[in-house]
Amino acid sequence: MIRLVVTMIIKDGRMDEFLAECKKIRPKVLAEKGCIMYDYHREIQSPLGSQEPVQKNRITLLEAWESLDALKEHSAAPHMKEFLAKVKDMRESVTARVLEPVF
């Protein structure tokens, strides 16, 4: 299994518009072959001492895929290309980490 942690900083005033597009794309991605999880998250304050400061404009997307091939197909899907074009100007930055289990 492959997991992704995608961190996005959303431009001021664009969060509602961004999340509306995410809500539309999520069912399409979940229907893709090999998709196990595709969940968007926003940060909340907690009592954990090791927590980074909460950023109201940061959204984290957690993904799980059966394989790198499934992830590759997802990246090439027409609905993803359309989605990325729609949200391109809504995000200040995007970083991704691709992970595989060690245990």
PDB file of N, CA and C in Angstrom:
ATOM      1  N   MET A   1       0.841  -1.178   0.000  1.00  0.00           N
ATOM      2  CA  MET A   1       0.000   0.000   0.000  1.00  0.00           C
ATOM      3  C   MET A   1       0.890   1.246   0.000  1.00  0.00           C
ATOM      4  N   ILE A   2       0.438   2.251  -0.722  1.00  0.00           N
ATOM      5  CA  ILE A   2       1.121   3.537  -0.798  1.00  0.00           C
ATOM      6  C   ILE A   2       0.239   4.582  -0.133  1.00  0.00           C
ATOM      7  N   ARG A   3       0.841   5.446   0.647  1.00  0.00           N
ATOM      8  CA  ARG A   3       0.098   6.541   1.276  1.00  0.00           C
ATOM      9  C   ARG A   3       0.718   7.867   0.859  1.00  0.00           C
ATOM     10  N   LEU A   4      -0.125   8.866   0.762  1.00  0.00           N
ATOM     11  CA  LEU A   4       0.334  10.218   0.466  1.00  0.00           C
ATOM     12  C   LEU A   4      -0.145  11.161   1.547  1.00  0.00           C
ATOM     13  N   VAL A   5       0.709  12.118   1.868  1.00  0.00           N
ATOM     14  CA  VAL A   5       0.350  13.235   2.728  1.00  0.00           C
ATOM     15  C   VAL A   5       0.595  14.480   1.888  1.00  0.00           C
ATOM     16  N   VAL A   6      -0.492  15.133   1.495  1.00  0.00           N
ATOM     17  CA  VAL A   6      -0.406  16.317   0.649  1.00  0.00           C
ATOM     18  C   VAL A   6      -0.803  17.519   1.495  1.00  0.00           C
ATOM     19  N   THR A   7       0.091  18.482   1.600  1.00  0.00           N
ATOM     20  CA  THR A   7      -0.148  19.673   2.403  1.00  0.00           C
ATOM     21  C   THR A   7      -0.322  20.863   1.477  1.00  0.00           C
ATOM     22  N   MET A   8      -1.430  21.572   1.665  1.00  0.00           N
ATOM     23  CA  MET A   8      -1.743  22.709   0.803  1.00  0.00           C
ATOM     24  C   MET A   8      -2.042  23.938   1.648  1.00  0.00           C
ATOM     25  N   ILE A   9      -1.483  25.053   1.248  1.00  0.00           N
ATOM     26  CA  ILE A   9      -1.822  26.332   1.857  1.00  0.00           C
ATOM     27  C   ILE A   9      -2.768  27.028   0.882  1.00  0.00           C
ATOM     28  N   ILE A  10      -3.945  27.357   1.375  1.00  0.00           N
ATOM     29  CA  ILE A  10      -4.982  27.954   0.547  1.00  0.00           C
ATOM     30  C   ILE A  10      -4.925  29.476   0.710  1.00  0.00           C
ATOM     31  N   LYS A  11      -5.070  30.164  -0.394  1.00  0.00           N
ATOM     32  CA  LYS A  11      -5.009  31.630  -0.376  1.00  0.00           C
ATOM     33  C   LYS A  11      -6.147  32.199   0.460  1.00  0.00           C
ATOM     34  N   ASP A  12      -5.873  33.325   1.103  1.00  0.00           N
ATOM     35  CA  ASP A  12      -6.894  34.009   1.906  1.00  0.00           C
ATOM     36  C   ASP A  12      -8.146  34.251   1.073  1.00  0.00           C
ATOM     37  N   GLY A  13      -9.289  33.955   1.666  1.00  0.00           N
ATOM     38  CA  GLY A  13     -10.558  34.190   1.017  1.00  0.00           C
ATOM     39  C   GLY A  13     -10.977  33.141  -0.004  1.00  0.00           C
ATOM     40  N   ARG A  14     -10.177  32.107  -0.195  1.00  0.00           N
ATOM     41  CA  ARG A  14     -10.476  31.092  -1.217  1.00  0.00           C
ATOM     42  C   ARG A  14     -10.848  29.722  -0.620  1.00  0.00           C
ATOM     43  N   MET A  15     -10.849  29.607   0.713  1.00  0.00           N
ATOM     44  CA  MET A  15     -11.060  28.302   1.341  1.00  0.00           C
ATOM     45  C   MET A  15     -12.405  27.684   0.974  1.00  0.00           C
ATOM     46  N   ASP A  16     -13.488  28.430   1.073  1.00  0.00           N
ATOM     47  CA  ASP A  16     -14.804  27.862   0.782  1.00  0.00           C
ATOM     48  C   ASP A  16     -14.878  27.363  -0.661  1.00  0.00           C
ATOM     49  N   GLU A  17     -14.371  28.158  -1.585  1.00  0.00           N
ATOM     50  CA  GLU A  17     -14.356  27.788  -2.999  1.00  0.00           C
ATOM     51  C   GLU A  17     -13.498  26.535  -3.222  1.00  0.00           C
ATOM     52  N   PHE A  18     -12.345  26.492  -2.561  1.00  0.00           N
ATOM     53  CA  PHE A  18     -11.451  25.339  -2.683  1.00  0.00           C
ATOM     54  C   PHE A  18     -12.126  24.075  -2.160  1.00  0.00           C
ATOM     55  N   LEU A  19     -12.707  24.153  -0.970  1.00  0.00           N
ATOM     56  CA  LEU A  19     -13.341  22.967  -0.387  1.00  0.00           C
ATOM     57  C   LEU A  19     -14.542  22.501  -1.206  1.00  0.00           C
ATOM     58  N   ALA A  20     -15.235  23.421  -1.850  1.00  0.00           N
ATOM     59  CA  ALA A  20     -16.355  23.035  -2.717  1.00  0.00           C
ATOM     60  C   ALA A  20     -15.856  22.180  -3.889  1.00  0.00           C
ATOM     61  N   GLU A  21     -14.709  22.547  -4.449  1.00  0.00           N
ATOM     62  CA  GLU A  21     -14.133  21.753  -5.537  1.00  0.00           C
ATOM     63  C   GLU A  21     -13.648  20.399  -5.023  1.00  0.00           C
ATOM     64  N   CYS A  22     -13.090  20.376  -3.825  1.00  0.00           N
ATOM     65  CA  CYS A  22     -12.632  19.120  -3.219  1.00  0.00           C
ATOM     66  C   CYS A  22     -13.808  18.171  -2.984  1.00  0.00           C
ATOM     67  N   LYS A  23     -14.909  18.732  -2.554  1.00  0.00           N
ATOM     68  CA  LYS A  23     -16.106  17.916  -2.301  1.00  0.00           C
ATOM     69  C   LYS A  23     -16.607  17.277  -3.598  1.00  0.00           C
ATOM     70  N   LYS A  24     -16.463  17.983  -4.718  1.00  0.00           N
ATOM     71  CA  LYS A  24     -16.888  17.446  -6.022  1.00  0.00           C
ATOM     72  C   LYS A  24     -15.955  16.338  -6.514  1.00  0.00           C
ATOM     73  N   ILE A  25     -14.648  16.503  -6.306  1.00  0.00           N
ATOM     74  CA  ILE A  25     -13.686  15.550  -6.871  1.00  0.00           C
ATOM     75  C   ILE A  25     -13.587  14.268  -6.029  1.00  0.00           C
ATOM     76  N   ARG A  26     -13.831  14.361  -4.752  1.00  0.00           N
ATOM     77  CA  ARG A  26     -13.614  13.223  -3.853  1.00  0.00           C
ATOM     78  C   ARG A  26     -14.344  11.953  -4.290  1.00  0.00           C
ATOM     79  N   PRO A  27     -15.654  11.985  -4.618  1.00  0.00           N
ATOM     80  CA  PRO A  27     -16.313  10.742  -5.034  1.00  0.00           C
ATOM     81  C   PRO A  27     -15.719  10.146  -6.314  1.00  0.00           C
ATOM     82  N   LYS A  28     -15.267  10.990  -7.211  1.00  0.00           N
ATOM     83  CA  LYS A  28     -14.657  10.498  -8.448  1.00  0.00           C
ATOM     84  C   LYS A  28     -13.360   9.759  -8.147  1.00  0.00           C
ATOM     85  N   VAL A  29     -12.572  10.311  -7.227  1.00  0.00           N
ATOM     86  CA  VAL A  29     -11.307   9.672  -6.870  1.00  0.00           C
ATOM     87  C   VAL A  29     -11.560   8.370  -6.109  1.00  0.00           C
ATOM     88  N   LEU A  30     -12.501   8.394  -5.180  1.00  0.00           N
ATOM     89  CA  LEU A  30     -12.800   7.179  -4.419  1.00  0.00           C
ATOM     90  C   LEU A  30     -13.293   6.047  -5.319  1.00  0.00           C
ATOM     91  N   ALA A  31     -13.865   6.386  -6.459  1.00  0.00           N
ATOM     92  CA  ALA A  31     -14.350   5.372  -7.405  1.00  0.00           C
ATOM     93  C   ALA A  31     -13.238   4.810  -8.286  1.00  0.00           C
ATOM     94  N   GLU A  32     -12.064   5.419  -8.240  1.00  0.00           N
ATOM     95  CA  GLU A  32     -10.950   4.944  -9.066  1.00  0.00           C
ATOM     96  C   GLU A  32     -10.446   3.584  -8.572  1.00  0.00           C
ATOM     97  N   LYS A  33     -10.015   2.772  -9.528  1.00  0.00           N
ATOM     98  CA  LYS A  33      -9.426   1.479  -9.184  1.00  0.00           C
ATOM     99  C   LYS A  33      -8.155   1.709  -8.356  1.00  0.00           C
ATOM    100  N   GLY A  34      -8.079   1.039  -7.228  1.00  0.00           N
ATOM    101  CA  GLY A  34      -6.884   1.122  -6.400  1.00  0.00           C
ATOM    102  C   GLY A  34      -6.927   2.174  -5.313  1.00  0.00           C
ATOM    103  N   CYS A  35      -7.975   3.011  -5.294  1.00  0.00           N
ATOM    104  CA  CYS A  35      -8.066   4.034  -4.246  1.00  0.00           C
ATOM    105  C   CYS A  35      -8.654   3.416  -2.981  1.00  0.00           C
ATOM    106  N   ILE A  36      -7.944   3.594  -1.887  1.00  0.00           N
ATOM    107  CA  ILE A  36      -8.382   3.073  -0.594  1.00  0.00           C
ATOM    108  C   ILE A  36      -8.915   4.206   0.285  1.00  0.00           C
ATOM    109  N   MET A  37      -8.272   5.365   0.206  1.00  0.00           N
ATOM    110  CA  MET A  37      -8.668   6.500   1.042  1.00  0.00           C
ATOM    111  C   MET A  37      -8.303   7.795   0.328  1.00  0.00           C
ATOM    112  N   TYR A  38      -9.163   8.811   0.478  1.00  0.00           N
ATOM    113  CA  TYR A  38      -8.912  10.126  -0.099  1.00  0.00           C
ATOM    114  C   TYR A  38      -9.669  11.129   0.756  1.00  0.00           C
ATOM    115  N   ASP A  39      -9.029  11.616   1.829  1.00  0.00           N
ATOM    116  CA  ASP A  39      -9.703  12.424   2.843  1.00  0.00           C
ATOM    117  C   ASP A  39      -8.993  13.758   3.084  1.00  0.00           C
ATOM    118  N   TYR A  40      -9.778  14.825   3.042  1.00  0.00           N
ATOM    119  CA  TYR A  40      -9.269  16.175   3.319  1.00  0.00           C
ATOM    120  C   TYR A  40      -9.449  16.492   4.801  1.00  0.00           C
ATOM    121  N   HIS A  41      -8.448  17.194   5.368  1.00  0.00           N
ATOM    122  CA  HIS A  41      -8.486  17.534   6.791  1.00  0.00           C
ATOM    123  C   HIS A  41      -8.052  18.981   7.010  1.00  0.00           C
ATOM    124  N   ARG A  42      -8.661  19.599   8.034  1.00  0.00           N
ATOM    125  CA  ARG A  42      -8.169  20.900   8.485  1.00  0.00           C
ATOM    126  C   ARG A  42      -7.697  20.744   9.923  1.00  0.00           C
ATOM    127  N   GLU A  43      -6.876  21.645  10.345  1.00  0.00           N
ATOM    128  CA  GLU A  43      -6.239  21.528  11.659  1.00  0.00           C
ATOM    129  C   GLU A  43      -7.127  22.066  12.775  1.00  0.00           C
ATOM    130  N   ILE A  44      -6.961  21.449  13.939  1.00  0.00           N
ATOM    131  CA  ILE A  44      -7.617  21.937  15.153  1.00  0.00           C
ATOM    132  C   ILE A  44      -6.582  21.993  16.271  1.00  0.00           C
ATOM    133  N   GLN A  45      -6.844  22.810  17.225  1.00  0.00           N
ATOM    134  CA  GLN A  45      -5.955  22.908  18.387  1.00  0.00           C
ATOM    135  C   GLN A  45      -6.159  21.683  19.272  1.00  0.00           C
ATOM    136  N   SER A  46      -5.088  21.203  19.868  1.00  0.00           N
ATOM    137  CA  SER A  46      -5.177  20.054  20.765  1.00  0.00           C
ATOM    138  C   SER A  46      -4.232  20.278  21.953  1.00  0.00           C
ATOM    139  N   PRO A  47      -4.300  19.394  22.963  1.00  0.00           N
ATOM    140  CA  PRO A  47      -3.402  19.526  24.110  1.00  0.00           C
ATOM    141  C   PRO A  47      -2.015  18.927  23.875  1.00  0.00           C
ATOM    142  N   LEU A  48      -1.732  18.410  22.667  1.00  0.00           N
ATOM    143  CA  LEU A  48      -0.436  17.795  22.399  1.00  0.00           C
ATOM    144  C   LEU A  48       0.666  18.842  22.387  1.00  0.00           C
ATOM    145  N   GLY A  49       1.684  18.619  23.162  1.00  0.00           N
ATOM    146  CA  GLY A  49       2.791  19.562  23.231  1.00  0.00           C
ATOM    147  C   GLY A  49       3.641  19.593  21.973  1.00  0.00           C
ATOM    148  N   SER A  50       3.606  18.534  21.202  1.00  0.00           N
ATOM    149  CA  SER A  50       4.442  18.448  20.004  1.00  0.00           C
ATOM    150  C   SER A  50       3.744  18.967  18.747  1.00  0.00           C
ATOM    151  N   GLN A  51       2.528  19.455  18.888  1.00  0.00           N
ATOM    152  CA  GLN A  51       1.761  19.908  17.726  1.00  0.00           C
ATOM    153  C   GLN A  51       2.341  21.198  17.154  1.00  0.00           C
ATOM    154  N   GLU A  52       2.431  21.243  15.825  1.00  0.00           N
ATOM    155  CA  GLU A  52       2.823  22.479  15.159  1.00  0.00           C
ATOM    156  C   GLU A  52       1.727  23.521  15.381  1.00  0.00           C
ATOM    157  N   PRO A  53       2.068  24.797  15.252  1.00  0.00           N
ATOM    158  CA  PRO A  53       1.013  25.817  15.352  1.00  0.00           C
ATOM    159  C   PRO A  53      -0.051  25.591  14.279  1.00  0.00           C
ATOM    160  N   VAL A  54      -1.307  25.753  14.663  1.00  0.00           N
ATOM    161  CA  VAL A  54      -2.420  25.574  13.740  1.00  0.00           C
ATOM    162  C   VAL A  54      -2.394  26.701  12.707  1.00  0.00           C
ATOM    163  N   GLN A  55      -2.535  26.310  11.447  1.00  0.00           N
ATOM    164  CA  GLN A  55      -2.638  27.286  10.360  1.00  0.00           C
ATOM    165  C   GLN A  55      -4.027  27.158   9.756  1.00  0.00           C
ATOM    166  N   LYS A  56      -4.820  28.207   9.850  1.00  0.00           N
ATOM    167  CA  LYS A  56      -6.210  28.148   9.382  1.00  0.00           C
ATOM    168  C   LYS A  56      -6.313  27.938   7.872  1.00  0.00           C
ATOM    169  N   ASN A  57      -5.271  28.256   7.128  1.00  0.00           N
ATOM    170  CA  ASN A  57      -5.308  28.116   5.673  1.00  0.00           C
ATOM    171  C   ASN A  57      -4.622  26.844   5.181  1.00  0.00           C
ATOM    172  N   ARG A  58      -4.263  25.938   6.096  1.00  0.00           N
ATOM    173  CA  ARG A  58      -3.586  24.705   5.690  1.00  0.00           C
ATOM    174  C   ARG A  58      -4.586  23.551   5.664  1.00  0.00           C
ATOM    175  N   ILE A  59      -4.625  22.858   4.533  1.00  0.00           N
ATOM    176  CA  ILE A  59      -5.444  21.657   4.362  1.00  0.00           C
ATOM    177  C   ILE A  59      -4.493  20.497   4.086  1.00  0.00           C
ATOM    178  N   THR A  60      -4.758  19.370   4.728  1.00  0.00           N
ATOM    179  CA  THR A  60      -3.954  18.174   4.512  1.00  0.00           C
ATOM    180  C   THR A  60      -4.839  17.108   3.884  1.00  0.00           C
ATOM    181  N   LEU A  61      -4.372  16.566   2.783  1.00  0.00           N
ATOM    182  CA  LEU A  61      -5.066  15.484   2.091  1.00  0.00           C
ATOM    183  C   LEU A  61      -4.320  14.195   2.389  1.00  0.00           C
ATOM    184  N   LEU A  62      -5.024  13.222   2.952  1.00  0.00           N
ATOM    185  CA  LEU A  62      -4.449  11.908   3.223  1.00  0.00           C
ATOM    186  C   LEU A  62      -5.014  10.931   2.206  1.00  0.00           C
ATOM    187  N   GLU A  63      -4.119  10.259   1.500  1.00  0.00           N
ATOM    188  CA  GLU A  63      -4.511   9.319   0.453  1.00  0.00           C
ATOM    189  C   GLU A  63      -3.889   7.957   0.741  1.00  0.00           C
ATOM    190  N   ALA A  64      -4.575   6.910   0.315  1.00  0.00           N
ATOM    191  CA  ALA A  64      -4.014   5.560   0.354  1.00  0.00           C
ATOM    192  C   ALA A  64      -4.378   4.879  -0.955  1.00  0.00           C
ATOM    193  N   TRP A  65      -3.377   4.235  -1.553  1.00  0.00           N
ATOM    194  CA  TRP A  65      -3.526   3.570  -2.850  1.00  0.00           C
ATOM    195  C   TRP A  65      -2.972   2.158  -2.756  1.00  0.00           C
ATOM    196  N   GLU A  66      -3.545   1.255  -3.531  1.00  0.00           N
ATOM    197  CA  GLU A  66      -3.093  -0.133  -3.523  1.00  0.00           C
ATOM    198  C   GLU A  66      -1.667  -0.274  -4.026  1.00  0.00           C
ATOM    199  N   SER A  67      -1.255   0.613  -4.958  1.00  0.00           N
ATOM    200  CA  SER A  67       0.069   0.480  -5.556  1.00  0.00           C
ATOM    201  C   SER A  67       0.506   1.799  -6.178  1.00  0.00           C
ATOM    202  N   LEU A  68       1.785   1.862  -6.534  1.00  0.00           N
ATOM    203  CA  LEU A  68       2.287   3.029  -7.266  1.00  0.00           C
ATOM    204  C   LEU A  68       1.640   3.129  -8.644  1.00  0.00           C
ATOM    205  N   ASP A  69       1.328   1.997  -9.251  1.00  0.00           N
ATOM    206  CA  ASP A  69       0.650   2.019 -10.545  1.00  0.00           C
ATOM    207  C   ASP A  69      -0.727   2.665 -10.433  1.00  0.00           C
ATOM    208  N   ALA A  70      -1.461   2.353  -9.369  1.00  0.00           N
ATOM    209  CA  ALA A  70      -2.779   2.971  -9.160  1.00  0.00           C
ATOM    210  C   ALA A  70      -2.641   4.476  -8.961  1.00  0.00           C
ATOM    211  N   LEU A  71      -1.620   4.882  -8.228  1.00  0.00           N
ATOM    212  CA  LEU A  71      -1.365   6.311  -8.021  1.00  0.00           C
ATOM    213  C   LEU A  71      -1.023   6.985  -9.348  1.00  0.00           C
ATOM    214  N   LYS A  72      -0.232   6.313 -10.156  1.00  0.00           N
ATOM    215  CA  LYS A  72       0.150   6.864 -11.460  1.00  0.00           C
ATOM    216  C   LYS A  72      -1.086   7.053 -12.347  1.00  0.00           C
ATOM    217  N   GLU A  73      -1.970   6.070 -12.361  1.00  0.00           N
ATOM    218  CA  GLU A  73      -3.209   6.188 -13.138  1.00  0.00           C
ATOM    219  C   GLU A  73      -4.070   7.330 -12.618  1.00  0.00           C
ATOM    220  N   HIS A  74      -4.150   7.470 -11.311  1.00  0.00           N
ATOM    221  CA  HIS A  74      -4.904   8.565 -10.692  1.00  0.00           C
ATOM    222  C   HIS A  74      -4.363   9.917 -11.157  1.00  0.00           C
ATOM    223  N   SER A  75      -3.070  10.054 -11.149  1.00  0.00           N
ATOM    224  CA  SER A  75      -2.451  11.325 -11.532  1.00  0.00           C
ATOM    225  C   SER A  75      -2.745  11.701 -12.981  1.00  0.00           C
ATOM    226  N   ALA A  76      -2.970  10.707 -13.823  1.00  0.00           N
ATOM    227  CA  ALA A  76      -3.226  10.952 -15.245  1.00  0.00           C
ATOM    228  C   ALA A  76      -4.716  11.039 -15.585  1.00  0.00           C
ATOM    229  N   ALA A  77      -5.582  10.819 -14.610  1.00  0.00           N
ATOM    230  CA  ALA A  77      -7.021  10.806 -14.877  1.00  0.00           C
ATOM    231  C   ALA A  77      -7.509  12.179 -15.349  1.00  0.00           C
ATOM    232  N   PRO A  78      -8.373  12.207 -16.355  1.00  0.00           N
ATOM    233  CA  PRO A  78      -8.890  13.484 -16.861  1.00  0.00           C
ATOM    234  C   PRO A  78      -9.559  14.346 -15.789  1.00  0.00           C
ATOM    235  N   HIS A  79     -10.310  13.710 -14.875  1.00  0.00           N
ATOM    236  CA  HIS A  79     -10.969  14.505 -13.831  1.00  0.00           C
ATOM    237  C   HIS A  79      -9.952  15.147 -12.891  1.00  0.00           C
ATOM    238  N   MET A  80      -8.784  14.530 -12.719  1.00  0.00           N
ATOM    239  CA  MET A  80      -7.752  15.152 -11.877  1.00  0.00           C
ATOM    240  C   MET A  80      -7.125  16.344 -12.593  1.00  0.00           C
ATOM    241  N   LYS A  81      -6.879  16.204 -13.873  1.00  0.00           N
ATOM    242  CA  LYS A  81      -6.320  17.325 -14.628  1.00  0.00           C
ATOM    243  C   LYS A  81      -7.271  18.514 -14.597  1.00  0.00           C
ATOM    244  N   GLU A  82      -8.557  18.246 -14.733  1.00  0.00           N
ATOM    245  CA  GLU A  82      -9.568  19.313 -14.679  1.00  0.00           C
ATOM    246  C   GLU A  82      -9.606  19.955 -13.289  1.00  0.00           C
ATOM    247  N   PHE A  83      -9.591  19.114 -12.255  1.00  0.00           N
ATOM    248  CA  PHE A  83      -9.609  19.608 -10.879  1.00  0.00           C
ATOM    249  C   PHE A  83      -8.390  20.481 -10.596  1.00  0.00           C
ATOM    250  N   LEU A  84      -7.220  20.009 -10.956  1.00  0.00           N
ATOM    251  CA  LEU A  84      -5.988  20.765 -10.684  1.00  0.00           C
ATOM    252  C   LEU A  84      -5.981  22.103 -11.408  1.00  0.00           C
ATOM    253  N   ALA A  85      -6.539  22.155 -12.594  1.00  0.00           N
ATOM    254  CA  ALA A  85      -6.634  23.428 -13.310  1.00  0.00           C
ATOM    255  C   ALA A  85      -7.578  24.390 -12.588  1.00  0.00           C
ATOM    256  N   LYS A  86      -8.672  23.868 -12.025  1.00  0.00           N
ATOM    257  CA  LYS A  86      -9.639  24.715 -11.313  1.00  0.00           C
ATOM    258  C   LYS A  86      -9.066  25.294 -10.029  1.00  0.00           C
ATOM    259  N   VAL A  87      -8.278  24.492  -9.300  1.00  0.00           N
ATOM    260  CA  VAL A  87      -7.812  24.940  -7.977  1.00  0.00           C
ATOM    261  C   VAL A  87      -6.428  25.580  -8.008  1.00  0.00           C
ATOM    262  N   LYS A  88      -5.795  25.588  -9.154  1.00  0.00           N
ATOM    263  CA  LYS A  88      -4.417  26.085  -9.269  1.00  0.00           C
ATOM    264  C   LYS A  88      -4.235  27.465  -8.630  1.00  0.00           C
ATOM    265  N   ASP A  89      -5.119  28.387  -8.921  1.00  0.00           N
ATOM    266  CA  ASP A  89      -4.981  29.751  -8.412  1.00  0.00           C
ATOM    267  C   ASP A  89      -5.550  29.942  -7.013  1.00  0.00           C
ATOM    268  N   MET A  90      -6.096  28.889  -6.430  1.00  0.00           N
ATOM    269  CA  MET A  90      -6.637  28.963  -5.074  1.00  0.00           C
ATOM    270  C   MET A  90      -5.583  28.618  -4.023  1.00  0.00           C
ATOM    271  N   ARG A  91      -4.493  27.986  -4.448  1.00  0.00           N
ATOM    272  CA  ARG A  91      -3.488  27.504  -3.505  1.00  0.00           C
ATOM    273  C   ARG A  91      -2.208  28.328  -3.600  1.00  0.00           C
ATOM    274  N   GLU A  92      -1.657  28.643  -2.435  1.00  0.00           N
ATOM    275  CA  GLU A  92      -0.348  29.300  -2.395  1.00  0.00           C
ATOM    276  C   GLU A  92       0.770  28.297  -2.607  1.00  0.00           C
ATOM    277  N   SER A  93       0.591  27.111  -2.024  1.00  0.00           N
ATOM    278  CA  SER A  93       1.637  26.093  -2.132  1.00  0.00           C
ATOM    279  C   SER A  93       1.044  24.703  -1.959  1.00  0.00           C
ATOM    280  N   VAL A  94       1.790  23.721  -2.481  1.00  0.00           N
ATOM    281  CA  VAL A  94       1.416  22.310  -2.360  1.00  0.00           C
ATOM    282  C   VAL A  94       2.703  21.513  -2.191  1.00  0.00           C
ATOM    283  N   THR A  95       2.729  20.644  -1.193  1.00  0.00           N
ATOM    284  CA  THR A  95       3.833  19.706  -1.037  1.00  0.00           C
ATOM    285  C   THR A  95       3.235  18.319  -0.812  1.00  0.00           C
ATOM    286  N   ALA A  96       3.960  17.303  -1.239  1.00  0.00           N
ATOM    287  CA  ALA A  96       3.478  15.936  -1.068  1.00  0.00           C
ATOM    288  C   ALA A  96       4.595  15.047  -0.569  1.00  0.00           C
ATOM    289  N   ARG A  97       4.193  14.088   0.265  1.00  0.00           N
ATOM    290  CA  ARG A  97       5.105  13.036   0.692  1.00  0.00           C
ATOM    291  C   ARG A  97       4.449  11.710   0.313  1.00  0.00           C
ATOM    292  N   VAL A  98       5.195  10.865  -0.374  1.00  0.00           N
ATOM    293  CA  VAL A  98       4.713   9.543  -0.774  1.00  0.00           C
ATOM    294  C   VAL A  98       5.390   8.529   0.146  1.00  0.00           C
ATOM    295  N   LEU A  99       4.598   7.694   0.775  1.00  0.00           N
ATOM    296  CA  LEU A  99       5.105   6.811   1.825  1.00  0.00           C
ATOM    297  C   LEU A  99       4.759   5.361   1.540  1.00  0.00           C
ATOM    298  N   GLU A 100       5.623   4.474   2.016  1.00  0.00           N
ATOM    299  CA  GLU A 100       5.316   3.045   2.008  1.00  0.00           C
ATOM    300  C   GLU A 100       5.533   2.525   3.426  1.00  0.00           C
ATOM    301  N   PRO A 101       4.785   1.507   3.828  1.00  0.00           N
ATOM    302  CA  PRO A 101       4.929   0.982   5.181  1.00  0.00           C
ATOM    303  C   PRO A 101       6.285   0.292   5.379  1.00  0.00           C
ATOM    304  N   VAL A 102       6.797   0.384   6.589  1.00  0.00           N
ATOM    305  CA  VAL A 102       8.022  -0.343   6.934  1.00  0.00           C
ATOM    306  C   VAL A 102       7.698  -1.561   7.796  1.00  0.00           C
ATOM    307  N   PHE A 103       6.529  -1.620   8.371  1.00  0.00           N
ATOM    308  CA  PHE A 103       6.084  -2.777   9.178  1.00  0.00           C
ATOM    309  C   PHE A 103       4.719  -3.184   8.710  1.00  0.00           C
TER     310      PHE A 103
END
